[in-house]
Amino acid sequence: MDIQIQSIHFDADRKLISFIEEKVGKLTHFYDGIISSEIFLRLENAGAITTKIAEIKLNVPGSDLYVKKECKSFEEAIDTGVDALERQVKKYKEKTKGL
């Protein structure tokens, strides 16, 4: 699976990138037909609080699976996003098996 990570208005460090690659890469255990993934990392300033937004899009045959999570850290956003995508991938796999 090809993983593309884009950090908007900041530079992601190597530790964060390897964490994301590891977490998103594990989704292939549930469905090996995933073509590629795109991850967008964004900082959003809401007054005194800076929130981190992670958007993950998986390209699968015939469709795209997408999740957007907003948390206090990118690691937490990626964790919860991958959990949500895990459920979507399993559901997609069951739906395609039924066809």
PDB file of N, CA and C in Angstrom:
ATOM      1  N   MET A   1       0.850  -1.173   0.000  1.00  0.00           N
ATOM      2  CA  MET A   1       0.000   0.000   0.000  1.00  0.00           C
ATOM      3  C   MET A   1       0.897   1.238   0.000  1.00  0.00           C
ATOM      4  N   ASP A   2       0.543   2.171  -0.846  1.00  0.00           N
ATOM      5  CA  ASP A   2       1.263   3.436  -0.934  1.00  0.00           C
ATOM      6  C   ASP A   2       0.666   4.410   0.088  1.00  0.00           C
ATOM      7  N   ILE A   3       1.502   4.964   0.961  1.00  0.00           N
ATOM      8  CA  ILE A   3       1.041   5.892   1.996  1.00  0.00           C
ATOM      9  C   ILE A   3       1.637   7.270   1.719  1.00  0.00           C
ATOM     10  N   GLN A   4       0.757   8.259   1.536  1.00  0.00           N
ATOM     11  CA  GLN A   4       1.197   9.632   1.320  1.00  0.00           C
ATOM     12  C   GLN A   4       0.762  10.472   2.515  1.00  0.00           C
ATOM     13  N   ILE A   5       1.718  11.179   3.113  1.00  0.00           N
ATOM     14  CA  ILE A   5       1.430  12.006   4.284  1.00  0.00           C
ATOM     15  C   ILE A   5       1.717  13.457   3.921  1.00  0.00           C
ATOM     16  N   GLN A   6       0.731  14.311   4.160  1.00  0.00           N
ATOM     17  CA  GLN A   6       0.898  15.734   3.896  1.00  0.00           C
ATOM     18  C   GLN A   6       0.596  16.505   5.170  1.00  0.00           C
ATOM     19  N   SER A   7       1.568  17.268   5.618  1.00  0.00           N
ATOM     20  CA  SER A   7       1.358  18.124   6.779  1.00  0.00           C
ATOM     21  C   SER A   7       1.186  19.555   6.271  1.00  0.00           C
ATOM     22  N   ILE A   8       0.085  20.157   6.638  1.00  0.00           N
ATOM     23  CA  ILE A   8      -0.287  21.469   6.131  1.00  0.00           C
ATOM     24  C   ILE A   8       0.124  22.547   7.133  1.00  0.00           C
ATOM     25  N   HIS A   9       0.938  23.490   6.688  1.00  0.00           N
ATOM     26  CA  HIS A   9       1.425  24.640   7.460  1.00  0.00           C
ATOM     27  C   HIS A   9       2.378  24.275   8.604  1.00  0.00           C
ATOM     28  N   PHE A  10       2.981  23.093   8.551  1.00  0.00           N
ATOM     29  CA  PHE A  10       4.027  22.725   9.505  1.00  0.00           C
ATOM     30  C   PHE A  10       4.781  21.522   8.937  1.00  0.00           C
ATOM     31  N   ASP A  11       5.918  21.206   9.529  1.00  0.00           N
ATOM     32  CA  ASP A  11       6.704  20.052   9.111  1.00  0.00           C
ATOM     33  C   ASP A  11       6.572  18.950  10.153  1.00  0.00           C
ATOM     34  N   ALA A  12       6.089  17.792   9.717  1.00  0.00           N
ATOM     35  CA  ALA A  12       5.954  16.653  10.619  1.00  0.00           C
ATOM     36  C   ALA A  12       7.330  16.032  10.839  1.00  0.00           C
ATOM     37  N   ASP A  13       7.620  15.653  12.084  1.00  0.00           N
ATOM     38  CA  ASP A  13       8.913  15.037  12.361  1.00  0.00           C
ATOM     39  C   ASP A  13       8.893  13.561  11.970  1.00  0.00           C
ATOM     40  N   ARG A  14      10.068  12.992  11.869  1.00  0.00           N
ATOM     41  CA  ARG A  14      10.235  11.604  11.409  1.00  0.00           C
ATOM     42  C   ARG A  14       9.509  10.616  12.335  1.00  0.00           C
ATOM     43  N   LYS A  15       9.498  10.893  13.637  1.00  0.00           N
ATOM     44  CA  LYS A  15       8.849  10.008  14.604  1.00  0.00           C
ATOM     45  C   LYS A  15       7.344   9.923  14.338  1.00  0.00           C
ATOM     46  N   LEU A  16       6.715  11.061  14.059  1.00  0.00           N
ATOM     47  CA  LEU A  16       5.286  11.097  13.769  1.00  0.00           C
ATOM     48  C   LEU A  16       4.985  10.382  12.457  1.00  0.00           C
ATOM     49  N   ILE A  17       5.813  10.584  11.455  1.00  0.00           N
ATOM     50  CA  ILE A  17       5.603   9.942  10.153  1.00  0.00           C
ATOM     51  C   ILE A  17       5.709   8.429  10.267  1.00  0.00           C
ATOM     52  N   SER A  18       6.701   7.934  10.990  1.00  0.00           N
ATOM     53  CA  SER A  18       6.841   6.480  11.144  1.00  0.00           C
ATOM     54  C   SER A  18       5.692   5.902  11.964  1.00  0.00           C
ATOM     55  N   PHE A  19       5.199   6.645  12.964  1.00  0.00           N
ATOM     56  CA  PHE A  19       4.036   6.214  13.748  1.00  0.00           C
ATOM     57  C   PHE A  19       2.817   6.060  12.835  1.00  0.00           C
ATOM     58  N   ILE A  20       2.593   7.046  11.969  1.00  0.00           N
ATOM     59  CA  ILE A  20       1.447   7.015  11.063  1.00  0.00           C
ATOM     60  C   ILE A  20       1.571   5.857  10.077  1.00  0.00           C
ATOM     61  N   GLU A  21       2.760   5.675   9.511  1.00  0.00           N
ATOM     62  CA  GLU A  21       2.970   4.586   8.548  1.00  0.00           C
ATOM     63  C   GLU A  21       2.719   3.223   9.185  1.00  0.00           C
ATOM     64  N   GLU A  22       3.147   3.077  10.442  1.00  0.00           N
ATOM     65  CA  GLU A  22       2.937   1.814  11.148  1.00  0.00           C
ATOM     66  C   GLU A  22       1.452   1.558  11.392  1.00  0.00           C
ATOM     67  N   LYS A  23       0.741   2.569  11.903  1.00  0.00           N
ATOM     68  CA  LYS A  23      -0.683   2.407  12.226  1.00  0.00           C
ATOM     69  C   LYS A  23      -1.530   2.172  10.977  1.00  0.00           C
ATOM     70  N   VAL A  24      -1.334   2.991   9.956  1.00  0.00           N
ATOM     71  CA  VAL A  24      -2.138   2.864   8.741  1.00  0.00           C
ATOM     72  C   VAL A  24      -1.775   1.587   7.989  1.00  0.00           C
ATOM     73  N   GLY A  25      -0.522   1.204   8.033  1.00  0.00           N
ATOM     74  CA  GLY A  25      -0.087  -0.027   7.379  1.00  0.00           C
ATOM     75  C   GLY A  25      -0.749  -1.266   7.927  1.00  0.00           C
ATOM     76  N   LYS A  26      -1.156  -1.231   9.193  1.00  0.00           N
ATOM     77  CA  LYS A  26      -1.813  -2.388   9.811  1.00  0.00           C
ATOM     78  C   LYS A  26      -3.206  -2.645   9.240  1.00  0.00           C
ATOM     79  N   LEU A  27      -3.780  -1.672   8.537  1.00  0.00           N
ATOM     80  CA  LEU A  27      -5.111  -1.858   7.954  1.00  0.00           C
ATOM     81  C   LEU A  27      -5.100  -2.923   6.857  1.00  0.00           C
ATOM     82  N   THR A  28      -3.931  -3.203   6.282  1.00  0.00           N
ATOM     83  CA  THR A  28      -3.857  -4.239   5.249  1.00  0.00           C
ATOM     84  C   THR A  28      -4.075  -5.632   5.827  1.00  0.00           C
ATOM     85  N   HIS A  29      -3.985  -5.785   7.154  1.00  0.00           N
ATOM     86  CA  HIS A  29      -4.274  -7.073   7.783  1.00  0.00           C
ATOM     87  C   HIS A  29      -5.755  -7.428   7.643  1.00  0.00           C
ATOM     88  N   PHE A  30      -6.598  -6.406   7.575  1.00  0.00           N
ATOM     89  CA  PHE A  30      -8.039  -6.636   7.506  1.00  0.00           C
ATOM     90  C   PHE A  30      -8.535  -6.739   6.072  1.00  0.00           C
ATOM     91  N   TYR A  31      -7.850  -6.067   5.138  1.00  0.00           N
ATOM     92  CA  TYR A  31      -8.222  -6.134   3.727  1.00  0.00           C
ATOM     93  C   TYR A  31      -6.990  -5.795   2.905  1.00  0.00           C
ATOM     94  N   ASP A  32      -6.522  -6.759   2.121  1.00  0.00           N
ATOM     95  CA  ASP A  32      -5.285  -6.548   1.374  1.00  0.00           C
ATOM     96  C   ASP A  32      -5.505  -5.863   0.023  1.00  0.00           C
ATOM     97  N   GLY A  33      -6.741  -5.486  -0.281  1.00  0.00           N
ATOM     98  CA  GLY A  33      -7.039  -4.814  -1.541  1.00  0.00           C
ATOM     99  C   GLY A  33      -6.923  -3.304  -1.475  1.00  0.00           C
ATOM    100  N   ILE A  34      -6.423  -2.767  -0.375  1.00  0.00           N
ATOM    101  CA  ILE A  34      -6.260  -1.316  -0.253  1.00  0.00           C
ATOM    102  C   ILE A  34      -5.164  -0.868  -1.221  1.00  0.00           C
ATOM    103  N   ILE A  35      -5.520   0.070  -2.092  1.00  0.00           N
ATOM    104  CA  ILE A  35      -4.583   0.532  -3.121  1.00  0.00           C
ATOM    105  C   ILE A  35      -3.587   1.531  -2.539  1.00  0.00           C
ATOM    106  N   SER A  36      -4.110   2.589  -1.912  1.00  0.00           N
ATOM    107  CA  SER A  36      -3.243   3.618  -1.351  1.00  0.00           C
ATOM    108  C   SER A  36      -3.980   4.359  -0.246  1.00  0.00           C
ATOM    109  N   SER A  37      -3.236   5.191   0.458  1.00  0.00           N
ATOM    110  CA  SER A  37      -3.846   6.003   1.505  1.00  0.00           C
ATOM    111  C   SER A  37      -3.228   7.398   1.469  1.00  0.00           C
ATOM    112  N   GLU A  38      -4.054   8.373   1.810  1.00  0.00           N
ATOM    113  CA  GLU A  38      -3.609   9.753   1.901  1.00  0.00           C
ATOM    114  C   GLU A  38      -3.944  10.252   3.296  1.00  0.00           C
ATOM    115  N   ILE A  39      -2.968  10.839   3.949  1.00  0.00           N
ATOM    116  CA  ILE A  39      -3.165  11.367   5.298  1.00  0.00           C
ATOM    117  C   ILE A  39      -2.845  12.859   5.257  1.00  0.00           C
ATOM    118  N   PHE A  40      -3.784  13.658   5.758  1.00  0.00           N
ATOM    119  CA  PHE A  40      -3.595  15.097   5.843  1.00  0.00           C
ATOM    120  C   PHE A  40      -3.568  15.485   7.312  1.00  0.00           C
ATOM    121  N   LEU A  41      -2.519  16.169   7.727  1.00  0.00           N
ATOM    122  CA  LEU A  41      -2.372  16.634   9.103  1.00  0.00           C
ATOM    123  C   LEU A  41      -2.462  18.151   9.108  1.00  0.00           C
ATOM    124  N   ARG A  42      -3.310  18.684   9.987  1.00  0.00           N
ATOM    125  CA  ARG A  42      -3.530  20.119  10.031  1.00  0.00           C
ATOM    126  C   ARG A  42      -3.607  20.605  11.464  1.00  0.00           C
ATOM    127  N   LEU A  43      -3.095  21.797  11.700  1.00  0.00           N
ATOM    128  CA  LEU A  43      -3.238  22.473  12.988  1.00  0.00           C
ATOM    129  C   LEU A  43      -4.354  23.495  12.853  1.00  0.00           C
ATOM    130  N   GLU A  44      -5.215  23.558  13.855  1.00  0.00           N
ATOM    131  CA  GLU A  44      -6.271  24.553  13.829  1.00  0.00           C
ATOM    132  C   GLU A  44      -6.256  25.334  15.130  1.00  0.00           C
ATOM    133  N   ASN A  45      -6.131  26.640  15.014  1.00  0.00           N
ATOM    134  CA  ASN A  45      -6.107  27.504  16.190  1.00  0.00           C
ATOM    135  C   ASN A  45      -7.514  28.000  16.479  1.00  0.00           C
ATOM    136  N   ALA A  46      -8.016  27.631  17.637  1.00  0.00           N
ATOM    137  CA  ALA A  46      -9.331  28.111  18.075  1.00  0.00           C
ATOM    138  C   ALA A  46      -9.116  28.894  19.364  1.00  0.00           C
ATOM    139  N   GLY A  47      -8.754  30.146  19.230  1.00  0.00           N
ATOM    140  CA  GLY A  47      -8.462  30.955  20.412  1.00  0.00           C
ATOM    141  C   GLY A  47      -7.141  30.547  21.017  1.00  0.00           C
ATOM    142  N   ALA A  48      -7.173  30.183  22.291  1.00  0.00           N
ATOM    143  CA  ALA A  48      -5.953  29.800  22.996  1.00  0.00           C
ATOM    144  C   ALA A  48      -5.622  28.320  22.792  1.00  0.00           C
ATOM    145  N   ILE A  49      -6.567  27.561  22.282  1.00  0.00           N
ATOM    146  CA  ILE A  49      -6.383  26.114  22.142  1.00  0.00           C
ATOM    147  C   ILE A  49      -6.033  25.776  20.692  1.00  0.00           C
ATOM    148  N   THR A  50      -4.977  24.984  20.515  1.00  0.00           N
ATOM    149  CA  THR A  50      -4.611  24.492  19.195  1.00  0.00           C
ATOM    150  C   THR A  50      -4.993  23.022  19.111  1.00  0.00           C
ATOM    151  N   THR A  51      -5.883  22.698  18.181  1.00  0.00           N
ATOM    152  CA  THR A  51      -6.288  21.309  18.000  1.00  0.00           C
ATOM    153  C   THR A  51      -5.587  20.740  16.778  1.00  0.00           C
ATOM    154  N   LYS A  52      -5.420  19.446  16.802  1.00  0.00           N
ATOM    155  CA  LYS A  52      -4.778  18.744  15.696  1.00  0.00           C
ATOM    156  C   LYS A  52      -5.843  17.955  14.947  1.00  0.00           C
ATOM    157  N   ILE A  53      -5.844  18.089  13.632  1.00  0.00           N
ATOM    158  CA  ILE A  53      -6.820  17.407  12.793  1.00  0.00           C
ATOM    159  C   ILE A  53      -6.086  16.440  11.877  1.00  0.00           C
ATOM    160  N   ALA A  54      -6.568  15.202  11.860  1.00  0.00           N
ATOM    161  CA  ALA A  54      -6.013  14.185  10.970  1.00  0.00           C
ATOM    162  C   ALA A  54      -7.135  13.668  10.081  1.00  0.00           C
ATOM    163  N   GLU A  55      -6.895  13.709   8.782  1.00  0.00           N
ATOM    164  CA  GLU A  55      -7.843  13.174   7.815  1.00  0.00           C
ATOM    165  C   GLU A  55      -7.158  12.018   7.103  1.00  0.00           C
ATOM    166  N   ILE A  56      -7.834  10.879   7.042  1.00  0.00           N
ATOM    167  CA  ILE A  56      -7.272   9.700   6.399  1.00  0.00           C
ATOM    168  C   ILE A  56      -8.236   9.239   5.311  1.00  0.00           C
ATOM    169  N   LYS A  57      -7.705   9.058   4.112  1.00  0.00           N
ATOM    170  CA  LYS A  57      -8.518   8.573   2.998  1.00  0.00           C
ATOM    171  C   LYS A  57      -7.860   7.325   2.448  1.00  0.00           C
ATOM    172  N   LEU A  58      -8.620   6.228   2.399  1.00  0.00           N
ATOM    173  CA  LEU A  58      -8.127   4.980   1.829  1.00  0.00           C
ATOM    174  C   LEU A  58      -8.752   4.787   0.459  1.00  0.00           C
ATOM    175  N   ASN A  59      -7.930   4.508  -0.525  1.00  0.00           N
ATOM    176  CA  ASN A  59      -8.422   4.198  -1.865  1.00  0.00           C
ATOM    177  C   ASN A  59      -8.536   2.688  -2.000  1.00  0.00           C
ATOM    178  N   VAL A  60      -9.768   2.216  -2.149  1.00  0.00           N
ATOM    179  CA  VAL A  60     -10.036   0.795  -2.341  1.00  0.00           C
ATOM    180  C   VAL A  60     -10.733   0.647  -3.688  1.00  0.00           C
ATOM    181  N   PRO A  61     -10.711  -0.533  -4.288  1.00  0.00           N
ATOM    182  CA  PRO A  61     -11.323  -0.695  -5.611  1.00  0.00           C
ATOM    183  C   PRO A  61     -12.795  -0.263  -5.615  1.00  0.00           C
ATOM    184  N   GLY A  62     -13.100   0.720  -6.461  1.00  0.00           N
ATOM    185  CA  GLY A  62     -14.474   1.163  -6.630  1.00  0.00           C
ATOM    186  C   GLY A  62     -14.977   2.167  -5.611  1.00  0.00           C
ATOM    187  N   SER A  63     -14.164   2.540  -4.630  1.00  0.00           N
ATOM    188  CA  SER A  63     -14.657   3.430  -3.584  1.00  0.00           C
ATOM    189  C   SER A  63     -13.496   4.065  -2.823  1.00  0.00           C
ATOM    190  N   ASP A  64     -13.835   5.015  -1.970  1.00  0.00           N
ATOM    191  CA  ASP A  64     -12.879   5.614  -1.035  1.00  0.00           C
ATOM    192  C   ASP A  64     -13.472   5.527   0.361  1.00  0.00           C
ATOM    193  N   LEU A  65     -12.641   5.214   1.337  1.00  0.00           N
ATOM    194  CA  LEU A  65     -13.049   5.209   2.741  1.00  0.00           C
ATOM    195  C   LEU A  65     -12.374   6.413   3.390  1.00  0.00           C
ATOM    196  N   TYR A  66     -13.126   7.166   4.174  1.00  0.00           N
ATOM    197  CA  TYR A  66     -12.615   8.440   4.686  1.00  0.00           C
ATOM    198  C   TYR A  66     -12.994   8.616   6.150  1.00  0.00           C
ATOM    199  N   VAL A  67     -12.065   9.218   6.905  1.00  0.00           N
ATOM    200  CA  VAL A  67     -12.338   9.565   8.293  1.00  0.00           C
ATOM    201  C   VAL A  67     -11.590  10.856   8.624  1.00  0.00           C
ATOM    202  N   LYS A  68     -12.217  11.679   9.469  1.00  0.00           N
ATOM    203  CA  LYS A  68     -11.603  12.931   9.920  1.00  0.00           C
ATOM    204  C   LYS A  68     -11.742  12.985  11.431  1.00  0.00           C
ATOM    205  N   LYS A  69     -10.626  13.132  12.115  1.00  0.00           N
ATOM    206  CA  LYS A  69     -10.627  13.171  13.577  1.00  0.00           C
ATOM    207  C   LYS A  69      -9.909  14.410  14.081  1.00  0.00           C
ATOM    208  N   GLU A  70     -10.450  14.986  15.134  1.00  0.00           N
ATOM    209  CA  GLU A  70      -9.901  16.191  15.746  1.00  0.00           C
ATOM    210  C   GLU A  70      -9.608  15.880  17.215  1.00  0.00           C
ATOM    211  N   CYS A  71      -8.331  15.972  17.607  1.00  0.00           N
ATOM    212  CA  CYS A  71      -7.926  15.612  18.966  1.00  0.00           C
ATOM    213  C   CYS A  71      -6.847  16.574  19.464  1.00  0.00           C
ATOM    214  N   LYS A  72      -6.364  16.299  20.689  1.00  0.00           N
ATOM    215  CA  LYS A  72      -5.317  17.134  21.278  1.00  0.00           C
ATOM    216  C   LYS A  72      -3.941  16.828  20.717  1.00  0.00           C
ATOM    217  N   SER A  73      -3.748  15.609  20.205  1.00  0.00           N
ATOM    218  CA  SER A  73      -2.459  15.250  19.608  1.00  0.00           C
ATOM    219  C   SER A  73      -2.703  14.492  18.303  1.00  0.00           C
ATOM    220  N   PHE A  74      -1.706  14.528  17.420  1.00  0.00           N
ATOM    221  CA  PHE A  74      -1.832  13.813  16.158  1.00  0.00           C
ATOM    222  C   PHE A  74      -1.869  12.306  16.383  1.00  0.00           C
ATOM    223  N   GLU A  75      -1.124  11.830  17.376  1.00  0.00           N
ATOM    224  CA  GLU A  75      -1.102  10.403  17.658  1.00  0.00           C
ATOM    225  C   GLU A  75      -2.496   9.910  18.052  1.00  0.00           C
ATOM    226  N   GLU A  76      -3.167  10.672  18.917  1.00  0.00           N
ATOM    227  CA  GLU A  76      -4.517  10.307  19.346  1.00  0.00           C
ATOM    228  C   GLU A  76      -5.489  10.352  18.160  1.00  0.00           C
ATOM    229  N   ALA A  77      -5.358  11.367  17.314  1.00  0.00           N
ATOM    230  CA  ALA A  77      -6.237  11.490  16.145  1.00  0.00           C
ATOM    231  C   ALA A  77      -6.020  10.333  15.175  1.00  0.00           C
ATOM    232  N   ILE A  78      -4.771   9.949  14.958  1.00  0.00           N
ATOM    233  CA  ILE A  78      -4.475   8.821  14.068  1.00  0.00           C
ATOM    234  C   ILE A  78      -5.007   7.524  14.663  1.00  0.00           C
ATOM    235  N   ASP A  79      -4.799   7.318  15.974  1.00  0.00           N
ATOM    236  CA  ASP A  79      -5.305   6.105  16.647  1.00  0.00           C
ATOM    237  C   ASP A  79      -6.804   5.954  16.472  1.00  0.00           C
ATOM    238  N   THR A  80      -7.558   6.997  16.805  1.00  0.00           N
ATOM    239  CA  THR A  80      -9.014   6.907  16.711  1.00  0.00           C
ATOM    240  C   THR A  80      -9.457   6.815  15.251  1.00  0.00           C
ATOM    241  N   GLY A  81      -8.748   7.484  14.355  1.00  0.00           N
ATOM    242  CA  GLY A  81      -9.074   7.408  12.937  1.00  0.00           C
ATOM    243  C   GLY A  81      -8.852   6.020  12.365  1.00  0.00           C
ATOM    244  N   VAL A  82      -7.748   5.388  12.736  1.00  0.00           N
ATOM    245  CA  VAL A  82      -7.459   4.037  12.250  1.00  0.00           C
ATOM    246  C   VAL A  82      -8.482   3.047  12.814  1.00  0.00           C
ATOM    247  N   ASP A  83      -8.897   3.229  14.065  1.00  0.00           N
ATOM    248  CA  ASP A  83      -9.936   2.367  14.635  1.00  0.00           C
ATOM    249  C   ASP A  83     -11.234   2.483  13.847  1.00  0.00           C
ATOM    250  N   ALA A  84     -11.613   3.705  13.493  1.00  0.00           N
ATOM    251  CA  ALA A  84     -12.834   3.918  12.714  1.00  0.00           C
ATOM    252  C   ALA A  84     -12.688   3.326  11.310  1.00  0.00           C
ATOM    253  N   LEU A  85     -11.520   3.489  10.709  1.00  0.00           N
ATOM    254  CA  LEU A  85     -11.293   2.932   9.374  1.00  0.00           C
ATOM    255  C   LEU A  85     -11.258   1.408   9.399  1.00  0.00           C
ATOM    256  N   GLU A  86     -10.800   0.847  10.495  1.00  0.00           N
ATOM    257  CA  GLU A  86     -10.791  -0.610  10.632  1.00  0.00           C
ATOM    258  C   GLU A  86     -12.210  -1.149  10.496  1.00  0.00           C
ATOM    259  N   ARG A  87     -13.159  -0.491  11.172  1.00  0.00           N
ATOM    260  CA  ARG A  87     -14.561  -0.911  11.070  1.00  0.00           C
ATOM    261  C   ARG A  87     -15.082  -0.724   9.644  1.00  0.00           C
ATOM    262  N   GLN A  88     -14.725   0.405   9.006  1.00  0.00           N
ATOM    263  CA  GLN A  88     -15.166   0.656   7.639  1.00  0.00           C
ATOM    264  C   GLN A  88     -14.588  -0.373   6.666  1.00  0.00           C
ATOM    265  N   VAL A  89     -13.325  -0.725   6.851  1.00  0.00           N
ATOM    266  CA  VAL A  89     -12.670  -1.700   5.973  1.00  0.00           C
ATOM    267  C   VAL A  89     -13.338  -3.060   6.112  1.00  0.00           C
ATOM    268  N   LYS A  90     -13.619  -3.483   7.345  1.00  0.00           N
ATOM    269  CA  LYS A  90     -14.283  -4.770   7.562  1.00  0.00           C
ATOM    270  C   LYS A  90     -15.667  -4.776   6.923  1.00  0.00           C
ATOM    271  N   LYS A  91     -16.402  -3.681   7.066  1.00  0.00           N
ATOM    272  CA  LYS A  91     -17.735  -3.567   6.477  1.00  0.00           C
ATOM    273  C   LYS A  91     -17.648  -3.600   4.949  1.00  0.00           C
ATOM    274  N   TYR A  92     -16.676  -2.880   4.380  1.00  0.00           N
ATOM    275  CA  TYR A  92     -16.474  -2.862   2.937  1.00  0.00           C
ATOM    276  C   TYR A  92     -16.134  -4.254   2.423  1.00  0.00           C
ATOM    277  N   LYS A  93     -15.272  -4.954   3.150  1.00  0.00           N
ATOM    278  CA  LYS A  93     -14.853  -6.293   2.742  1.00  0.00           C
ATOM    279  C   LYS A  93     -16.052  -7.240   2.730  1.00  0.00           C
ATOM    280  N   GLU A  94     -16.891  -7.162   3.762  1.00  0.00           N
ATOM    281  CA  GLU A  94     -18.088  -8.013   3.812  1.00  0.00           C
ATOM    282  C   GLU A  94     -19.042  -7.690   2.662  1.00  0.00           C
ATOM    283  N   LYS A  95     -19.175  -6.387   2.364  1.00  0.00           N
ATOM    284  CA  LYS A  95     -20.080  -5.978   1.291  1.00  0.00           C
ATOM    285  C   LYS A  95     -19.583  -6.489  -0.063  1.00  0.00           C
ATOM    286  N   THR A  96     -18.278  -6.420  -0.302  1.00  0.00           N
ATOM    287  CA  THR A  96     -17.740  -6.880  -1.581  1.00  0.00           C
ATOM    288  C   THR A  96     -17.760  -8.403  -1.687  1.00  0.00           C
ATOM    289  N   LYS A  97     -17.661  -9.102  -0.575  1.00  0.00           N
ATOM    290  CA  LYS A  97     -17.766 -10.559  -0.603  1.00  0.00           C
ATOM    291  C   LYS A  97     -19.175 -10.997  -0.985  1.00  0.00           C
ATOM    292  N   GLY A  98     -20.161 -10.233  -0.564  1.00  0.00           N
ATOM    293  CA  GLY A  98     -21.552 -10.575  -0.839  1.00  0.00           C
ATOM    294  C   GLY A  98     -21.952 -10.387  -2.298  1.00  0.00           C
ATOM    295  N   LEU A  99     -21.149  -9.620  -3.060  1.00  0.00           N
ATOM    296  CA  LEU A  99     -21.505  -9.362  -4.460  1.00  0.00           C
ATOM    297  C   LEU A  99     -21.227 -10.546  -5.342  1.00  0.00           C
TER     298      LEU A  99
END
